[in-house]
Amino acid sequence: MNGDILMPAKRRLTMRQLRQMLRLAGSGTSSREIAVVLGIARSTVQDNLQRAAAVGLSWPLPGELTDDALEHKLFSRNGVKQGTRRRTEPNWADLSTTVENR
């Protein structure tokens, strides 16, 4: 994670894995042990636990929190709509003309 900005996840876990990860972390299980139980990298566990902490999620999760809502909380990036670019697309026609003129 980079400051308050949630970075894109390297690998998305299933909701079942995420819920189990939060449950295990809530019971005091270490990141290394959680990684072994879930069969994933420790860095993936740490990344997802940091995401959960950043949005204020801990075990037990609220009963009304659906899988879709959990995914949205953990993986949506504030201020950036899905499918939009952070930077404007270059004018490729101008760039190709510049290269051709060299």
C-alpha atoms as a PDB file:
ATOM      1  CA  MET A   1       0.000   0.000   0.000  1.00  0.00           C
ATOM      2  CA  ASN A   2       1.120   3.489  -0.700  1.00  0.00           C
ATOM      3  CA  GLY A   3      -0.112   6.022   1.864  1.00  0.00           C
ATOM      4  CA  ASP A   4      -3.900   6.258   1.745  1.00  0.00           C
ATOM      5  CA  ILE A   5      -4.101   4.979  -1.823  1.00  0.00           C
ATOM      6  CA  LEU A   6      -5.058   1.337  -2.176  1.00  0.00           C
ATOM      7  CA  MET A   7      -2.909  -0.242  -4.837  1.00  0.00           C
ATOM      8  CA  PRO A   8      -4.371  -2.825  -7.213  1.00  0.00           C
ATOM      9  CA  ALA A   9      -4.309  -6.312  -5.788  1.00  0.00           C
ATOM     10  CA  LYS A  10      -1.710  -8.660  -7.236  1.00  0.00           C
ATOM     11  CA  ARG A  11      -4.010 -11.634  -6.893  1.00  0.00           C
ATOM     12  CA  ARG A  12      -7.638 -11.650  -5.908  1.00  0.00           C
ATOM     13  CA  LEU A  13      -8.678 -14.223  -3.386  1.00  0.00           C
ATOM     14  CA  THR A  14     -12.074 -15.826  -3.123  1.00  0.00           C
ATOM     15  CA  MET A  15     -14.480 -14.294  -0.644  1.00  0.00           C
ATOM     16  CA  ARG A  16     -14.278 -17.503   1.343  1.00  0.00           C
ATOM     17  CA  GLN A  17     -10.478 -17.114   1.607  1.00  0.00           C
ATOM     18  CA  LEU A  18     -10.791 -13.446   2.560  1.00  0.00           C
ATOM     19  CA  ARG A  19     -13.334 -14.161   5.273  1.00  0.00           C
ATOM     20  CA  GLN A  20     -11.236 -17.052   6.610  1.00  0.00           C
ATOM     21  CA  MET A  21      -8.140 -14.835   6.571  1.00  0.00           C
ATOM     22  CA  LEU A  22      -9.909 -12.146   8.594  1.00  0.00           C
ATOM     23  CA  ARG A  23     -11.272 -14.756  11.009  1.00  0.00           C
ATOM     24  CA  LEU A  24      -7.832 -16.288  11.556  1.00  0.00           C
ATOM     25  CA  ALA A  25      -6.175 -12.885  11.952  1.00  0.00           C
ATOM     26  CA  GLY A  26      -8.883 -11.903  14.438  1.00  0.00           C
ATOM     27  CA  SER A  27      -8.051 -14.954  16.532  1.00  0.00           C
ATOM     28  CA  GLY A  28      -4.367 -13.986  16.641  1.00  0.00           C
ATOM     29  CA  THR A  29      -3.024 -16.307  13.964  1.00  0.00           C
ATOM     30  CA  SER A  30       0.178 -14.996  12.355  1.00  0.00           C
ATOM     31  CA  SER A  31       0.388 -13.996   8.694  1.00  0.00           C
ATOM     32  CA  ARG A  32       2.773 -16.874   8.077  1.00  0.00           C
ATOM     33  CA  GLU A  33       0.357 -19.420   9.569  1.00  0.00           C
ATOM     34  CA  ILE A  34      -2.590 -17.947   7.656  1.00  0.00           C
ATOM     35  CA  ALA A  35      -0.578 -18.219   4.431  1.00  0.00           C
ATOM     36  CA  VAL A  36       0.109 -21.897   5.084  1.00  0.00           C
ATOM     37  CA  VAL A  37      -3.538 -22.653   5.902  1.00  0.00           C
ATOM     38  CA  LEU A  38      -4.819 -20.872   2.788  1.00  0.00           C
ATOM     39  CA  GLY A  39      -1.977 -21.996   0.511  1.00  0.00           C
ATOM     40  CA  ILE A  40      -1.032 -18.456  -0.522  1.00  0.00           C
ATOM     41  CA  ALA A  41       1.984 -16.187  -0.123  1.00  0.00           C
ATOM     42  CA  ARG A  42       2.522 -14.421   3.188  1.00  0.00           C
ATOM     43  CA  SER A  43       2.805 -11.128   1.303  1.00  0.00           C
ATOM     44  CA  THR A  44      -0.711 -11.711  -0.087  1.00  0.00           C
ATOM     45  CA  VAL A  45      -1.995 -12.206   3.444  1.00  0.00           C
ATOM     46  CA  GLN A  46      -0.228  -9.077   4.660  1.00  0.00           C
ATOM     47  CA  ASP A  47      -1.489  -7.026   1.713  1.00  0.00           C
ATOM     48  CA  ASN A  48      -5.095  -8.064   2.251  1.00  0.00           C
ATOM     49  CA  LEU A  49      -4.926  -7.561   6.014  1.00  0.00           C
ATOM     50  CA  GLN A  50      -3.548  -4.054   5.396  1.00  0.00           C
ATOM     51  CA  ARG A  51      -6.426  -3.390   3.004  1.00  0.00           C
ATOM     52  CA  ALA A  52      -8.915  -4.547   5.620  1.00  0.00           C
ATOM     53  CA  ALA A  53      -7.310  -2.391   8.322  1.00  0.00           C
ATOM     54  CA  ALA A  54      -7.276   0.644   5.997  1.00  0.00           C
ATOM     55  CA  VAL A  55     -11.049   0.444   5.545  1.00  0.00           C
ATOM     56  CA  GLY A  56     -11.741  -0.444   9.186  1.00  0.00           C
ATOM     57  CA  LEU A  57     -12.654  -4.108   8.757  1.00  0.00           C
ATOM     58  CA  SER A  58     -11.880  -6.646  11.442  1.00  0.00           C
ATOM     59  CA  TRP A  59     -13.325  -9.929  12.642  1.00  0.00           C
ATOM     60  CA  PRO A  60     -16.159 -10.480  13.283  1.00  0.00           C
ATOM     61  CA  LEU A  61     -17.451  -8.857  10.137  1.00  0.00           C
ATOM     62  CA  PRO A  62     -20.872  -7.198  10.271  1.00  0.00           C
ATOM     63  CA  GLY A  63     -23.586  -9.768   9.521  1.00  0.00           C
ATOM     64  CA  GLU A  64     -25.102  -7.640   6.772  1.00  0.00           C
ATOM     65  CA  LEU A  65     -21.785  -7.354   4.875  1.00  0.00           C
ATOM     66  CA  THR A  66     -22.327  -9.249   1.626  1.00  0.00           C
ATOM     67  CA  ASP A  67     -19.527 -10.674  -0.494  1.00  0.00           C
ATOM     68  CA  ASP A  68     -20.044  -7.895  -3.054  1.00  0.00           C
ATOM     69  CA  ALA A  69     -19.854  -5.215  -0.359  1.00  0.00           C
ATOM     70  CA  LEU A  70     -16.725  -6.829   1.121  1.00  0.00           C
ATOM     71  CA  GLU A  71     -15.054  -6.942  -2.290  1.00  0.00           C
ATOM     72  CA  HIS A  72     -15.991  -3.321  -2.949  1.00  0.00           C
ATOM     73  CA  LYS A  73     -14.589  -2.176   0.407  1.00  0.00           C
ATOM     74  CA  LEU A  74     -11.311  -4.033  -0.057  1.00  0.00           C
ATOM     75  CA  PHE A  75     -10.617  -3.498  -3.737  1.00  0.00           C
ATOM     76  CA  SER A  76     -12.273  -0.299  -4.912  1.00  0.00           C
ATOM     77  CA  ARG A  77      -9.955   2.660  -5.256  1.00  0.00           C
ATOM     78  CA  ASN A  78     -11.416   5.870  -3.881  1.00  0.00           C
ATOM     79  CA  GLY A  79     -11.806   8.622  -6.435  1.00  0.00           C
ATOM     80  CA  VAL A  80     -11.212   6.367  -9.443  1.00  0.00           C
ATOM     81  CA  LYS A  81     -14.163   4.911 -11.311  1.00  0.00           C
ATOM     82  CA  GLN A  82     -13.778   1.401 -12.661  1.00  0.00           C
ATOM     83  CA  GLY A  83     -12.701   1.488 -16.296  1.00  0.00           C
ATOM     84  CA  THR A  84     -11.374   5.044 -16.271  1.00  0.00           C
ATOM     85  CA  ARG A  85      -7.769   6.040 -16.792  1.00  0.00           C
ATOM     86  CA  ARG A  86      -5.818   8.106 -14.326  1.00  0.00           C
ATOM     87  CA  ARG A  87      -3.909   9.801 -17.132  1.00  0.00           C
ATOM     88  CA  THR A  88      -5.210  11.006 -20.448  1.00  0.00           C
ATOM     89  CA  GLU A  89      -4.434   8.923 -23.493  1.00  0.00           C
ATOM     90  CA  PRO A  90      -1.707  10.435 -25.698  1.00  0.00           C
ATOM     91  CA  ASN A  91      -2.646  11.538 -29.191  1.00  0.00           C
ATOM     92  CA  TRP A  92      -1.122   8.553 -30.970  1.00  0.00           C
ATOM     93  CA  ALA A  93      -1.639  10.067 -34.444  1.00  0.00           C
ATOM     94  CA  ASP A  94       0.527  13.065 -33.545  1.00  0.00           C
ATOM     95  CA  LEU A  95       3.175  10.819 -32.039  1.00  0.00           C
ATOM     96  CA  SER A  96       3.345   8.523 -35.060  1.00  0.00           C
ATOM     97  CA  THR A  97       3.612  11.557 -37.383  1.00  0.00           C
ATOM     98  CA  THR A  98       6.485  12.903 -35.281  1.00  0.00           C
ATOM     99  CA  VAL A  99       8.312   9.558 -35.465  1.00  0.00           C
ATOM    100  CA  GLU A 100       7.752   9.265 -39.231  1.00  0.00           C
ATOM    101  CA  ASN A 101       9.213  12.754 -39.811  1.00  0.00           C
ATOM    102  CA  ARG A 102      12.522  11.857 -38.172  1.00  0.00           C
END
